[in-house]
Amino acid sequence: MIDGFSEQIRDALISFRQVLGNDEKVAKFWAEDFPANMGILAKNAPNDGHFVGGKYSLADVQFYYLISTLVDHDKSEPILEKYENLRKIRDAVANNERIKEHVKNRKPVH
């Protein structure tokens, strides 16, 4: 199950990276691709703040990385507003003390 979520998250990140620099393709990503990916994830994710088994997994961290590295948070937030279960996962990872410490001390990823 973790592999399935991880692959969907990876697909969304690859799609995003492939369109950077092309305004038309970026617009399509936000209008079609990102919402479709989030819909697939939301359809299969529980509503307990984690993708699998009620505890942190690689899929949770990958999802947080995807959401936290997207440049246009103003475009991702309205899409995530539709999916309480995905917001709970993002927030659970974002509020984890070890993750917060790592983010605070890591070198820029861009």
PDB file of N, CA and C in Angstrom:
ATOM      1  N   MET A   1       0.811  -1.187   0.000  1.00  0.00           N
ATOM      2  CA  MET A   1       0.000   0.000   0.000  1.00  0.00           C
ATOM      3  C   MET A   1       0.865   1.266   0.000  1.00  0.00           C
ATOM      4  N   ILE A   2       1.940   1.263   0.773  1.00  0.00           N
ATOM      5  CA  ILE A   2       2.840   2.413   0.794  1.00  0.00           C
ATOM      6  C   ILE A   2       3.399   2.653  -0.602  1.00  0.00           C
ATOM      7  N   ASP A   3       3.740   1.576  -1.312  1.00  0.00           N
ATOM      8  CA  ASP A   3       4.293   1.715  -2.654  1.00  0.00           C
ATOM      9  C   ASP A   3       3.316   2.411  -3.594  1.00  0.00           C
ATOM     10  N   GLY A   4       2.046   2.079  -3.498  1.00  0.00           N
ATOM     11  CA  GLY A   4       1.042   2.707  -4.358  1.00  0.00           C
ATOM     12  C   GLY A   4       0.927   4.200  -4.115  1.00  0.00           C
ATOM     13  N   PHE A   5       0.858   4.583  -2.855  1.00  0.00           N
ATOM     14  CA  PHE A   5       0.812   6.012  -2.520  1.00  0.00           C
ATOM     15  C   PHE A   5       2.102   6.705  -2.969  1.00  0.00           C
ATOM     16  N   SER A   6       3.227   6.077  -2.706  1.00  0.00           N
ATOM     17  CA  SER A   6       4.515   6.667  -3.068  1.00  0.00           C
ATOM     18  C   SER A   6       4.632   6.887  -4.573  1.00  0.00           C
ATOM     19  N   GLU A   7       4.166   5.925  -5.357  1.00  0.00           N
ATOM     20  CA  GLU A   7       4.218   6.070  -6.810  1.00  0.00           C
ATOM     21  C   GLU A   7       3.329   7.219  -7.296  1.00  0.00           C
ATOM     22  N   GLN A   8       2.162   7.364  -6.718  1.00  0.00           N
ATOM     23  CA  GLN A   8       1.260   8.457  -7.101  1.00  0.00           C
ATOM     24  C   GLN A   8       1.879   9.811  -6.749  1.00  0.00           C
ATOM     25  N   ILE A   9       2.483   9.898  -5.597  1.00  0.00           N
ATOM     26  CA  ILE A   9       3.148  11.130  -5.161  1.00  0.00           C
ATOM     27  C   ILE A   9       4.330  11.431  -6.087  1.00  0.00           C
ATOM     28  N   ARG A  10       5.097  10.416  -6.403  1.00  0.00           N
ATOM     29  CA  ARG A  10       6.237  10.572  -7.305  1.00  0.00           C
ATOM     30  C   ARG A  10       5.770  11.054  -8.671  1.00  0.00           C
ATOM     31  N   ASP A  11       4.687  10.494  -9.177  1.00  0.00           N
ATOM     32  CA  ASP A  11       4.149  10.916 -10.467  1.00  0.00           C
ATOM     33  C   ASP A  11       3.780  12.397 -10.455  1.00  0.00           C
ATOM     34  N   ALA A  12       3.176  12.854  -9.377  1.00  0.00           N
ATOM     35  CA  ALA A  12       2.801  14.268  -9.277  1.00  0.00           C
ATOM     36  C   ALA A  12       4.033  15.164  -9.275  1.00  0.00           C
ATOM     37  N   LEU A  13       5.064  14.762  -8.540  1.00  0.00           N
ATOM     38  CA  LEU A  13       6.285  15.564  -8.477  1.00  0.00           C
ATOM     39  C   LEU A  13       6.995  15.600  -9.830  1.00  0.00           C
ATOM     40  N   ILE A  14       7.077  14.472 -10.495  1.00  0.00           N
ATOM     41  CA  ILE A  14       7.704  14.423 -11.818  1.00  0.00           C
ATOM     42  C   ILE A  14       6.919  15.284 -12.801  1.00  0.00           C
ATOM     43  N   SER A  15       5.596  15.186 -12.760  1.00  0.00           N
ATOM     44  CA  SER A  15       4.761  16.009 -13.649  1.00  0.00           C
ATOM     45  C   SER A  15       5.039  17.482 -13.438  1.00  0.00           C
ATOM     46  N   PHE A  16       5.156  17.886 -12.186  1.00  0.00           N
ATOM     47  CA  PHE A  16       5.415  19.283 -11.873  1.00  0.00           C
ATOM     48  C   PHE A  16       6.774  19.721 -12.416  1.00  0.00           C
ATOM     49  N   ARG A  17       7.780  18.923 -12.164  1.00  0.00           N
ATOM     50  CA  ARG A  17       9.132  19.286 -12.606  1.00  0.00           C
ATOM     51  C   ARG A  17       9.235  19.350 -14.129  1.00  0.00           C
ATOM     52  N   GLN A  18       8.487  18.506 -14.829  1.00  0.00           N
ATOM     53  CA  GLN A  18       8.552  18.472 -16.284  1.00  0.00           C
ATOM     54  C   GLN A  18       7.943  19.705 -16.940  1.00  0.00           C
ATOM     55  N   VAL A  19       7.042  20.382 -16.275  1.00  0.00           N
ATOM     56  CA  VAL A  19       6.377  21.529 -16.898  1.00  0.00           C
ATOM     57  C   VAL A  19       6.976  22.872 -16.511  1.00  0.00           C
ATOM     58  N   LEU A  20       7.859  22.889 -15.530  1.00  0.00           N
ATOM     59  CA  LEU A  20       8.458  24.153 -15.104  1.00  0.00           C
ATOM     60  C   LEU A  20       9.106  24.856 -16.284  1.00  0.00           C
ATOM     61  N   GLY A  21       8.867  26.150 -16.385  1.00  0.00           N
ATOM     62  CA  GLY A  21       9.429  26.939 -17.466  1.00  0.00           C
ATOM     63  C   GLY A  21       8.514  27.093 -18.660  1.00  0.00           C
ATOM     64  N   ASN A  22       7.404  26.370 -18.680  1.00  0.00           N
ATOM     65  CA  ASN A  22       6.439  26.471 -19.774  1.00  0.00           C
ATOM     66  C   ASN A  22       5.106  26.890 -19.170  1.00  0.00           C
ATOM     67  N   ASP A  23       4.773  28.165 -19.297  1.00  0.00           N
ATOM     68  CA  ASP A  23       3.589  28.712 -18.636  1.00  0.00           C
ATOM     69  C   ASP A  23       2.308  27.973 -19.000  1.00  0.00           C
ATOM     70  N   GLU A  24       2.168  27.583 -20.254  1.00  0.00           N
ATOM     71  CA  GLU A  24       0.961  26.873 -20.687  1.00  0.00           C
ATOM     72  C   GLU A  24       0.854  25.504 -20.012  1.00  0.00           C
ATOM     73  N   LYS A  25       1.965  24.803 -19.957  1.00  0.00           N
ATOM     74  CA  LYS A  25       1.969  23.483 -19.324  1.00  0.00           C
ATOM     75  C   LYS A  25       1.810  23.583 -17.808  1.00  0.00           C
ATOM     76  N   VAL A  26       2.379  24.624 -17.214  1.00  0.00           N
ATOM     77  CA  VAL A  26       2.211  24.840 -15.775  1.00  0.00           C
ATOM     78  C   VAL A  26       0.739  25.094 -15.458  1.00  0.00           C
ATOM     79  N   ALA A  27       0.085  25.897 -16.275  1.00  0.00           N
ATOM     80  CA  ALA A  27      -1.346  26.173 -16.071  1.00  0.00           C
ATOM     81  C   ALA A  27      -2.162  24.888 -16.164  1.00  0.00           C
ATOM     82  N   LYS A  28      -1.834  24.028 -17.117  1.00  0.00           N
ATOM     83  CA  LYS A  28      -2.526  22.741 -17.255  1.00  0.00           C
ATOM     84  C   LYS A  28      -2.264  21.857 -16.039  1.00  0.00           C
ATOM     85  N   PHE A  29      -1.023  21.877 -15.551  1.00  0.00           N
ATOM     86  CA  PHE A  29      -0.700  21.089 -14.359  1.00  0.00           C
ATOM     87  C   PHE A  29      -1.625  21.475 -13.209  1.00  0.00           C
ATOM     88  N   TRP A  30      -1.756  22.791 -12.936  1.00  0.00           N
ATOM     89  CA  TRP A  30      -2.575  23.238 -11.811  1.00  0.00           C
ATOM     90  C   TRP A  30      -4.059  23.019 -12.069  1.00  0.00           C
ATOM     91  N   ALA A  31      -4.486  23.130 -13.321  1.00  0.00           N
ATOM     92  CA  ALA A  31      -5.906  22.980 -13.636  1.00  0.00           C
ATOM     93  C   ALA A  31      -6.348  21.522 -13.720  1.00  0.00           C
ATOM     94  N   GLU A  32      -5.442  20.638 -14.164  1.00  0.00           N
ATOM     95  CA  GLU A  32      -5.855  19.255 -14.424  1.00  0.00           C
ATOM     96  C   GLU A  32      -5.027  18.203 -13.682  1.00  0.00           C
ATOM     97  N   ASP A  33      -3.719  18.262 -13.858  1.00  0.00           N
ATOM     98  CA  ASP A  33      -2.867  17.174 -13.365  1.00  0.00           C
ATOM     99  C   ASP A  33      -2.805  17.096 -11.842  1.00  0.00           C
ATOM    100  N   PHE A  34      -2.523  18.217 -11.195  1.00  0.00           N
ATOM    101  CA  PHE A  34      -2.429  18.213  -9.731  1.00  0.00           C
ATOM    102  C   PHE A  34      -3.764  17.833  -9.082  1.00  0.00           C
ATOM    103  N   PRO A  35      -4.889  18.427  -9.509  1.00  0.00           N
ATOM    104  CA  PRO A  35      -6.165  18.006  -8.912  1.00  0.00           C
ATOM    105  C   PRO A  35      -6.460  16.516  -9.129  1.00  0.00           C
ATOM    106  N   ALA A  36      -6.116  16.004 -10.304  1.00  0.00           N
ATOM    107  CA  ALA A  36      -6.354  14.577 -10.569  1.00  0.00           C
ATOM    108  C   ALA A  36      -5.513  13.707  -9.643  1.00  0.00           C
ATOM    109  N   ASN A  37      -4.238  14.049  -9.475  1.00  0.00           N
ATOM    110  CA  ASN A  37      -3.372  13.296  -8.572  1.00  0.00           C
ATOM    111  C   ASN A  37      -3.876  13.351  -7.136  1.00  0.00           C
ATOM    112  N   MET A  38      -4.274  14.534  -6.686  1.00  0.00           N
ATOM    113  CA  MET A  38      -4.771  14.668  -5.314  1.00  0.00           C
ATOM    114  C   MET A  38      -6.075  13.890  -5.139  1.00  0.00           C
ATOM    115  N   GLY A  39      -6.914  13.870  -6.160  1.00  0.00           N
ATOM    116  CA  GLY A  39      -8.154  13.106  -6.085  1.00  0.00           C
ATOM    117  C   GLY A  39      -7.906  11.617  -5.925  1.00  0.00           C
ATOM    118  N   ILE A  40      -6.936  11.112  -6.660  1.00  0.00           N
ATOM    119  CA  ILE A  40      -6.586   9.686  -6.551  1.00  0.00           C
ATOM    120  C   ILE A  40      -6.049   9.382  -5.154  1.00  0.00           C
ATOM    121  N   LEU A  41      -5.147  10.226  -4.672  1.00  0.00           N
ATOM    122  CA  LEU A  41      -4.611  10.017  -3.322  1.00  0.00           C
ATOM    123  C   LEU A  41      -5.712  10.084  -2.282  1.00  0.00           C
ATOM    124  N   ALA A  42      -6.560  11.101  -2.381  1.00  0.00           N
ATOM    125  CA  ALA A  42      -7.619  11.292  -1.382  1.00  0.00           C
ATOM    126  C   ALA A  42      -8.612  10.135  -1.383  1.00  0.00           C
ATOM    127  N   LYS A  43      -8.903   9.614  -2.546  1.00  0.00           N
ATOM    128  CA  LYS A  43      -9.863   8.507  -2.657  1.00  0.00           C
ATOM    129  C   LYS A  43      -9.393   7.280  -1.879  1.00  0.00           C
ATOM    130  N   ASN A  44      -8.089   7.105  -1.814  1.00  0.00           N
ATOM    131  CA  ASN A  44      -7.539   5.901  -1.194  1.00  0.00           C
ATOM    132  C   ASN A  44      -6.929   6.111   0.184  1.00  0.00           C
ATOM    133  N   ALA A  45      -6.813   7.358   0.617  1.00  0.00           N
ATOM    134  CA  ALA A  45      -6.175   7.643   1.908  1.00  0.00           C
ATOM    135  C   ALA A  45      -7.202   7.654   3.035  1.00  0.00           C
ATOM    136  N   PRO A  46      -6.849   7.087   4.181  1.00  0.00           N
ATOM    137  CA  PRO A  46      -7.742   7.172   5.333  1.00  0.00           C
ATOM    138  C   PRO A  46      -7.785   8.602   5.878  1.00  0.00           C
ATOM    139  N   ASN A  47      -8.595   8.823   6.870  1.00  0.00           N
ATOM    140  CA  ASN A  47      -8.774  10.171   7.437  1.00  0.00           C
ATOM    141  C   ASN A  47      -8.166  10.265   8.834  1.00  0.00           C
ATOM    142  N   ASP A  48      -7.030   9.584   9.041  1.00  0.00           N
ATOM    143  CA  ASP A  48      -6.433   9.561  10.384  1.00  0.00           C
ATOM    144  C   ASP A  48      -5.086  10.280  10.466  1.00  0.00           C
ATOM    145  N   GLY A  49      -4.720  11.018   9.415  1.00  0.00           N
ATOM    146  CA  GLY A  49      -3.460  11.759   9.446  1.00  0.00           C
ATOM    147  C   GLY A  49      -2.270  10.987   8.920  1.00  0.00           C
ATOM    148  N   HIS A  50      -2.488   9.805   8.380  1.00  0.00           N
ATOM    149  CA  HIS A  50      -1.413   8.978   7.829  1.00  0.00           C
ATOM    150  C   HIS A  50      -1.961   8.179   6.659  1.00  0.00           C
ATOM    151  N   PHE A  51      -1.091   7.855   5.704  1.00  0.00           N
ATOM    152  CA  PHE A  51      -1.537   7.070   4.563  1.00  0.00           C
ATOM    153  C   PHE A  51      -1.788   5.611   4.909  1.00  0.00           C
ATOM    154  N   VAL A  52      -0.935   5.046   5.771  1.00  0.00           N
ATOM    155  CA  VAL A  52      -1.013   3.602   6.020  1.00  0.00           C
ATOM    156  C   VAL A  52      -0.845   3.292   7.498  1.00  0.00           C
ATOM    157  N   GLY A  53      -1.744   2.506   8.041  1.00  0.00           N
ATOM    158  CA  GLY A  53      -1.577   1.936   9.371  1.00  0.00           C
ATOM    159  C   GLY A  53      -1.628   2.888  10.548  1.00  0.00           C
ATOM    160  N   GLY A  54      -2.101   4.119  10.353  1.00  0.00           N
ATOM    161  CA  GLY A  54      -2.220   5.049  11.467  1.00  0.00           C
ATOM    162  C   GLY A  54      -0.899   5.514  12.056  1.00  0.00           C
ATOM    163  N   LYS A  55       0.195   5.377  11.274  1.00  0.00           N
ATOM    164  CA  LYS A  55       1.494   5.844  11.756  1.00  0.00           C
ATOM    165  C   LYS A  55       2.300   6.368  10.578  1.00  0.00           C
ATOM    166  N   TYR A  56       3.378   7.073  10.886  1.00  0.00           N
ATOM    167  CA  TYR A  56       4.205   7.662   9.833  1.00  0.00           C
ATOM    168  C   TYR A  56       4.796   6.593   8.929  1.00  0.00           C
ATOM    169  N   SER A  57       4.821   6.916   7.644  1.00  0.00           N
ATOM    170  CA  SER A  57       5.439   6.043   6.656  1.00  0.00           C
ATOM    171  C   SER A  57       6.172   6.915   5.638  1.00  0.00           C
ATOM    172  N   LEU A  58       6.900   6.270   4.778  1.00  0.00           N
ATOM    173  CA  LEU A  58       7.586   6.979   3.712  1.00  0.00           C
ATOM    174  C   LEU A  58       6.597   7.785   2.871  1.00  0.00           C
ATOM    175  N   ALA A  59       5.423   7.249   2.631  1.00  0.00           N
ATOM    176  CA  ALA A  59       4.423   7.952   1.826  1.00  0.00           C
ATOM    177  C   ALA A  59       4.020   9.278   2.469  1.00  0.00           C
ATOM    178  N   ASP A  60       3.884   9.316   3.787  1.00  0.00           N
ATOM    179  CA  ASP A  60       3.538  10.562   4.482  1.00  0.00           C
ATOM    180  C   ASP A  60       4.612  11.628   4.251  1.00  0.00           C
ATOM    181  N   VAL A  61       5.862  11.233   4.408  1.00  0.00           N
ATOM    182  CA  VAL A  61       6.969  12.179   4.251  1.00  0.00           C
ATOM    183  C   VAL A  61       7.088  12.616   2.796  1.00  0.00           C
ATOM    184  N   GLN A  62       6.916  11.692   1.868  1.00  0.00           N
ATOM    185  CA  GLN A  62       6.967  12.049   0.446  1.00  0.00           C
ATOM    186  C   GLN A  62       5.855  13.038   0.091  1.00  0.00           C
ATOM    187  N   PHE A  63       4.677  12.825   0.625  1.00  0.00           N
ATOM    188  CA  PHE A  63       3.566  13.731   0.358  1.00  0.00           C
ATOM    189  C   PHE A  63       3.873  15.121   0.902  1.00  0.00           C
ATOM    190  N   TYR A  64       4.395  15.180   2.099  1.00  0.00           N
ATOM    191  CA  TYR A  64       4.769  16.472   2.681  1.00  0.00           C
ATOM    192  C   TYR A  64       5.830  17.153   1.825  1.00  0.00           C
ATOM    193  N   TYR A  65       6.805  16.403   1.367  1.00  0.00           N
ATOM    194  CA  TYR A  65       7.849  16.964   0.509  1.00  0.00           C
ATOM    195  C   TYR A  65       7.230  17.530  -0.771  1.00  0.00           C
ATOM    196  N   LEU A  66       6.335  16.777  -1.384  1.00  0.00           N
ATOM    197  CA  LEU A  66       5.665  17.255  -2.603  1.00  0.00           C
ATOM    198  C   LEU A  66       4.968  18.579  -2.344  1.00  0.00           C
ATOM    199  N   ILE A  67       4.158  18.629  -1.310  1.00  0.00           N
ATOM    200  CA  ILE A  67       3.378  19.832  -1.020  1.00  0.00           C
ATOM    201  C   ILE A  67       4.288  20.987  -0.609  1.00  0.00           C
ATOM    202  N   SER A  68       5.318  20.708   0.159  1.00  0.00           N
ATOM    203  CA  SER A  68       6.168  21.796   0.651  1.00  0.00           C
ATOM    204  C   SER A  68       7.142  22.316  -0.395  1.00  0.00           C
ATOM    205  N   THR A  69       7.374  21.583  -1.484  1.00  0.00           N
ATOM    206  CA  THR A  69       8.298  22.051  -2.509  1.00  0.00           C
ATOM    207  C   THR A  69       7.597  22.685  -3.701  1.00  0.00           C
ATOM    208  N   LEU A  70       6.293  22.558  -3.784  1.00  0.00           N
ATOM    209  CA  LEU A  70       5.587  23.194  -4.891  1.00  0.00           C
ATOM    210  C   LEU A  70       5.684  24.703  -4.742  1.00  0.00           C
ATOM    211  N   VAL A  71       6.023  25.355  -5.810  1.00  0.00           N
ATOM    212  CA  VAL A  71       6.275  26.787  -5.782  1.00  0.00           C
ATOM    213  C   VAL A  71       4.995  27.581  -5.524  1.00  0.00           C
ATOM    214  N   ASP A  72       3.906  27.201  -6.131  1.00  0.00           N
ATOM    215  CA  ASP A  72       2.660  27.978  -6.073  1.00  0.00           C
ATOM    216  C   ASP A  72       1.716  27.440  -4.995  1.00  0.00           C
ATOM    217  N   HIS A  73       2.059  27.705  -3.735  1.00  0.00           N
ATOM    218  CA  HIS A  73       1.196  27.241  -2.651  1.00  0.00           C
ATOM    219  C   HIS A  73      -0.201  27.836  -2.761  1.00  0.00           C
ATOM    220  N   ASP A  74      -0.299  29.036  -3.336  1.00  0.00           N
ATOM    221  CA  ASP A  74      -1.612  29.654  -3.493  1.00  0.00           C
ATOM    222  C   ASP A  74      -2.492  28.847  -4.441  1.00  0.00           C
ATOM    223  N   LYS A  75      -1.889  28.028  -5.285  1.00  0.00           N
ATOM    224  CA  LYS A  75      -2.666  27.170  -6.183  1.00  0.00           C
ATOM    225  C   LYS A  75      -2.905  25.790  -5.590  1.00  0.00           C
ATOM    226  N   SER A  76      -1.975  25.300  -4.781  1.00  0.00           N
ATOM    227  CA  SER A  76      -2.162  23.964  -4.202  1.00  0.00           C
ATOM    228  C   SER A  76      -3.141  23.993  -3.029  1.00  0.00           C
ATOM    229  N   GLU A  77      -3.136  25.054  -2.252  1.00  0.00           N
ATOM    230  CA  GLU A  77      -4.004  25.111  -1.067  1.00  0.00           C
ATOM    231  C   GLU A  77      -5.493  24.980  -1.396  1.00  0.00           C
ATOM    232  N   PRO A  78      -6.020  25.704  -2.396  1.00  0.00           N
ATOM    233  CA  PRO A  78      -7.449  25.528  -2.694  1.00  0.00           C
ATOM    234  C   PRO A  78      -7.798  24.097  -3.110  1.00  0.00           C
ATOM    235  N   ILE A  79      -6.874  23.431  -3.766  1.00  0.00           N
ATOM    236  CA  ILE A  79      -7.122  22.043  -4.168  1.00  0.00           C
ATOM    237  C   ILE A  79      -7.124  21.150  -2.934  1.00  0.00           C
ATOM    238  N   LEU A  80      -6.157  21.359  -2.030  1.00  0.00           N
ATOM    239  CA  LEU A  80      -6.110  20.557  -0.808  1.00  0.00           C
ATOM    240  C   LEU A  80      -7.294  20.823   0.109  1.00  0.00           C
ATOM    241  N   GLU A  81      -7.875  22.003   0.021  1.00  0.00           N
ATOM    242  CA  GLU A  81      -9.043  22.316   0.854  1.00  0.00           C
ATOM    243  C   GLU A  81     -10.181  21.328   0.623  1.00  0.00           C
ATOM    244  N   LYS A  82     -10.215  20.722  -0.527  1.00  0.00           N
ATOM    245  CA  LYS A  82     -11.270  19.755  -0.869  1.00  0.00           C
ATOM    246  C   LYS A  82     -11.070  18.412  -0.170  1.00  0.00           C
ATOM    247  N   TYR A  83      -9.858  18.173   0.351  1.00  0.00           N
ATOM    248  CA  TYR A  83      -9.526  16.842   0.860  1.00  0.00           C
ATOM    249  C   TYR A  83      -9.020  16.914   2.296  1.00  0.00           C
ATOM    250  N   GLU A  84      -9.929  16.767   3.230  1.00  0.00           N
ATOM    251  CA  GLU A  84      -9.564  16.826   4.644  1.00  0.00           C
ATOM    252  C   GLU A  84      -8.506  15.784   4.993  1.00  0.00           C
ATOM    253  N   ASN A  85      -8.638  14.585   4.432  1.00  0.00           N
ATOM    254  CA  ASN A  85      -7.694  13.526   4.769  1.00  0.00           C
ATOM    255  C   ASN A  85      -6.268  13.875   4.322  1.00  0.00           C
ATOM    256  N   LEU A  86      -6.105  14.519   3.172  1.00  0.00           N
ATOM    257  CA  LEU A  86      -4.774  14.910   2.720  1.00  0.00           C
ATOM    258  C   LEU A  86      -4.214  16.065   3.541  1.00  0.00           C
ATOM    259  N   ARG A  87      -5.065  16.986   3.926  1.00  0.00           N
ATOM    260  CA  ARG A  87      -4.612  18.078   4.800  1.00  0.00           C
ATOM    261  C   ARG A  87      -4.136  17.538   6.138  1.00  0.00           C
ATOM    262  N   LYS A  88      -4.849  16.549   6.668  1.00  0.00           N
ATOM    263  CA  LYS A  88      -4.440  15.950   7.946  1.00  0.00           C
ATOM    264  C   LYS A  88      -3.066  15.294   7.839  1.00  0.00           C
ATOM    265  N   ILE A  89      -2.805  14.634   6.723  1.00  0.00           N
ATOM    266  CA  ILE A  89      -1.500  13.997   6.533  1.00  0.00           C
ATOM    267  C   ILE A  89      -0.420  15.066   6.439  1.00  0.00           C
ATOM    268  N   ARG A  90      -0.644  16.080   5.612  1.00  0.00           N
ATOM    269  CA  ARG A  90       0.328  17.168   5.485  1.00  0.00           C
ATOM    270  C   ARG A  90       0.600  17.807   6.839  1.00  0.00           C
ATOM    271  N   ASP A  91      -0.453  18.106   7.584  1.00  0.00           N
ATOM    272  CA  ASP A  91      -0.303  18.779   8.872  1.00  0.00           C
ATOM    273  C   ASP A  91       0.384  17.897   9.912  1.00  0.00           C
ATOM    274  N   ALA A  92       0.089  16.605   9.892  1.00  0.00           N
ATOM    275  CA  ALA A  92       0.731  15.693  10.845  1.00  0.00           C
ATOM    276  C   ALA A  92       2.237  15.667  10.631  1.00  0.00           C
ATOM    277  N   VAL A  93       2.665  15.608   9.384  1.00  0.00           N
ATOM    278  CA  VAL A  93       4.098  15.600   9.104  1.00  0.00           C
ATOM    279  C   VAL A  93       4.705  16.964   9.420  1.00  0.00           C
ATOM    280  N   ALA A  94       4.032  18.033   9.002  1.00  0.00           N
ATOM    281  CA  ALA A  94       4.551  19.387   9.219  1.00  0.00           C
ATOM    282  C   ALA A  94       4.719  19.703  10.698  1.00  0.00           C
ATOM    283  N   ASN A  95       3.879  19.118  11.542  1.00  0.00           N
ATOM    284  CA  ASN A  95       3.919  19.395  12.977  1.00  0.00           C
ATOM    285  C   ASN A  95       4.762  18.406  13.774  1.00  0.00           C
ATOM    286  N   ASN A  96       5.354  17.436  13.102  1.00  0.00           N
ATOM    287  CA  ASN A  96       6.237  16.485  13.761  1.00  0.00           C
ATOM    288  C   ASN A  96       7.528  17.208  14.141  1.00  0.00           C
ATOM    289  N   GLU A  97       7.917  17.137  15.390  1.00  0.00           N
ATOM    290  CA  GLU A  97       9.077  17.881  15.885  1.00  0.00           C
ATOM    291  C   GLU A  97      10.368  17.529  15.136  1.00  0.00           C
ATOM    292  N   ARG A  98      10.556  16.266  14.827  1.00  0.00           N
ATOM    293  CA  ARG A  98      11.775  15.869  14.120  1.00  0.00           C
ATOM    294  C   ARG A  98      11.790  16.414  12.692  1.00  0.00           C
ATOM    295  N   ILE A  99      10.648  16.432  12.061  1.00  0.00           N
ATOM    296  CA  ILE A  99      10.548  16.987  10.707  1.00  0.00           C
ATOM    297  C   ILE A  99      10.781  18.496  10.758  1.00  0.00           C
ATOM    298  N   LYS A 100      10.165  19.162  11.725  1.00  0.00           N
ATOM    299  CA  LYS A 100      10.351  20.615  11.851  1.00  0.00           C
ATOM    300  C   LYS A 100      11.825  20.953  12.047  1.00  0.00           C
ATOM    301  N   GLU A 101      12.513  20.186  12.854  1.00  0.00           N
ATOM    302  CA  GLU A 101      13.940  20.419  13.095  1.00  0.00           C
ATOM    303  C   GLU A 101      14.740  20.204  11.811  1.00  0.00           C
ATOM    304  N   HIS A 102      14.417  19.147  11.092  1.00  0.00           N
ATOM    305  CA  HIS A 102      15.112  18.858   9.835  1.00  0.00           C
ATOM    306  C   HIS A 102      14.899  19.990   8.825  1.00  0.00           C
ATOM    307  N   VAL A 103      13.676  20.423   8.660  1.00  0.00           N
ATOM    308  CA  VAL A 103      13.367  21.494   7.706  1.00  0.00           C
ATOM    309  C   VAL A 103      14.083  22.780   8.091  1.00  0.00           C
ATOM    310  N   LYS A 104      14.111  23.061   9.363  1.00  0.00           N
ATOM    311  CA  LYS A 104      14.764  24.274   9.850  1.00  0.00           C
ATOM    312  C   LYS A 104      16.265  24.269   9.541  1.00  0.00           C
ATOM    313  N   ASN A 105      16.894  23.117   9.611  1.00  0.00           N
ATOM    314  CA  ASN A 105      18.350  23.031   9.475  1.00  0.00           C
ATOM    315  C   ASN A 105      18.842  22.559   8.116  1.00  0.00           C
ATOM    316  N   ARG A 106      17.958  22.157   7.233  1.00  0.00           N
ATOM    317  CA  ARG A 106      18.409  21.640   5.940  1.00  0.00           C
ATOM    318  C   ARG A 106      18.868  22.769   5.016  1.00  0.00           C
ATOM    319  N   LYS A 107      19.691  22.386   4.081  1.00  0.00           N
ATOM    320  CA  LYS A 107      20.120  23.321   3.063  1.00  0.00           C
ATOM    321  C   LYS A 107      18.981  23.491   2.068  1.00  0.00           C
ATOM    322  N   PRO A 108      18.895  24.644   1.394  1.00  0.00           N
ATOM    323  CA  PRO A 108      17.831  24.839   0.401  1.00  0.00           C
ATOM    324  C   PRO A 108      17.843  23.751  -0.661  1.00  0.00           C
ATOM    325  N   VAL A 109      16.646  23.335  -1.083  1.00  0.00           N
ATOM    326  CA  VAL A 109      16.531  22.260  -2.073  1.00  0.00           C
ATOM    327  C   VAL A 109      16.367  22.788  -3.493  1.00  0.00           C
ATOM    328  N   HIS A 110      16.239  24.068  -3.667  1.00  0.00           N
ATOM    329  CA  HIS A 110      16.031  24.622  -5.008  1.00  0.00           C
ATOM    330  C   HIS A 110      17.297  25.213  -5.556  1.00  0.00           C
TER     331      HIS A 110
END
